[in-house]
Protein backbone atom coordinates (compact mmCIF):
# COMPACT_ATOMS: atom_id res chain seq x y z
CA MET A 1 74.14 43.77 94.82
CA ASN A 2 77.11 43.86 96.71
CA LYS A 3 78.96 47.68 97.00
CA VAL A 4 81.52 46.73 94.33
CA GLU A 5 78.53 46.05 91.77
CA LEU A 6 77.38 49.39 92.70
CA SER A 7 80.05 51.58 92.25
CA ASP A 8 80.50 49.69 89.03
CA LEU A 9 77.06 51.07 87.84
CA LYS A 10 77.12 54.56 89.33
CA ASN A 11 80.11 55.17 87.41
CA GLN A 12 78.40 53.39 83.86
CA LEU A 13 75.75 55.77 84.73
CA ALA A 14 78.10 58.54 85.22
CA ARG A 15 79.59 57.59 81.57
CA MET A 16 76.44 57.53 80.40
CA LYS A 17 74.82 60.92 81.07
CA GLU A 18 78.38 62.85 79.73
CA ASP A 19 77.83 60.37 76.26
CA LEU A 20 73.81 62.07 75.82
CA ASP A 21 75.37 65.33 76.94
CA ARG A 22 77.89 65.11 73.80
CA PHE A 23 75.41 63.57 71.97
CA VAL A 24 73.00 66.40 72.44
CA ALA A 25 75.70 68.90 71.97
CA ARG A 26 76.46 67.51 68.80
CA LYS A 27 73.06 66.20 67.13
CA PRO A 28 69.89 66.91 69.86
CA THR A 29 67.43 64.87 67.91
CA GLY A 30 70.15 62.28 67.06
CA LEU A 31 68.97 58.60 67.10
CA VAL A 32 71.05 57.39 69.57
CA VAL A 33 69.31 59.93 72.26
CA GLU A 34 66.66 58.54 72.75
CA PRO A 35 67.28 54.47 73.71
CA LEU A 36 70.27 56.06 75.44
CA ARG A 37 67.47 58.37 78.10
CA GLU A 38 66.19 55.52 77.93
CA ARG A 39 68.60 53.22 79.23
CA ILE A 40 69.81 55.59 81.64
CA ARG A 41 66.42 56.12 83.18
CA GLN A 42 66.50 51.78 83.68
CA THR A 43 70.28 52.13 85.02
CA GLU A 44 68.63 54.61 87.98
CA ALA A 45 66.61 52.60 89.09
CA LEU A 46 68.84 49.70 89.34
CA VAL A 47 70.98 52.46 91.16
CA ALA A 48 67.96 53.02 93.62
CA GLU A 49 67.44 49.93 94.22
CA GLY A 50 70.81 48.51 95.14
CA THR A 51 70.89 51.49 97.68
CA ARG A 52 67.68 50.95 98.66
CA ARG A 53 68.91 47.19 99.11
CA LEU A 54 72.72 47.98 100.88
CA ALA A 55 70.66 50.55 103.44
CA GLU A 56 68.36 47.06 104.04
CA ASP A 57 71.36 44.90 104.61
CA ARG A 58 73.04 47.72 106.73
CA LYS A 59 70.34 47.91 109.20
CA SER A 60 69.14 44.18 109.39
CA LEU A 61 72.95 43.74 109.66
CA ARG A 62 73.44 46.34 112.64
CA ASP A 63 70.27 45.48 114.14
CA SER A 64 71.40 41.57 114.59
CA ASN A 65 74.34 42.98 116.44
CA THR A 66 72.20 45.08 118.73
CA ASP A 67 71.02 41.23 119.40
CA SER A 68 74.07 39.49 119.87
CA GLN A 69 75.35 42.26 122.31
CA ALA A 70 72.45 41.51 124.50
CA ASP A 71 74.60 37.77 124.68
CA PRO A 72 78.09 38.16 124.88
CA SER A 73 78.69 34.90 124.21
CA ALA A 74 77.19 35.06 120.66
CA GLY A 75 79.27 38.45 120.13
CA MET A 76 82.04 36.51 120.49
CA LEU A 77 81.19 33.68 118.66
CA ALA A 78 80.11 36.10 115.73
CA ALA A 79 83.05 37.58 115.45
CA SER A 80 85.84 35.22 115.96
CA GLY A 81 84.80 33.80 112.34
CA ARG A 82 85.89 37.67 110.59
CA VAL A 83 88.62 38.23 113.20
CA ARG A 84 91.69 36.43 112.43
CA PRO A 85 93.86 35.59 115.29
CA ARG A 86 97.11 37.56 115.87
CA ARG A 87 100.86 36.52 115.49
CA MET A 88 103.02 35.49 117.48
CA SER A 89 106.28 36.52 117.04
């Protein structure tokens, strides 16, 4: 899961919670309330898992960057693929 997907999932979760509040305000025992609560729980679990994975990915990237900084030539090779060359005017 990437940052955009996680952000979309968080937005969806917020909308579902707002919907739940509206449904409960109108009819607390309605047929929609329990399935929506279950879906919210599932989405919260997905958000937690996605957040955990992103944190692990950041940590492993940080660790690999720390390892590559020990060898300056490795850092140059790793960055050269991501950084566009400057334009000569």
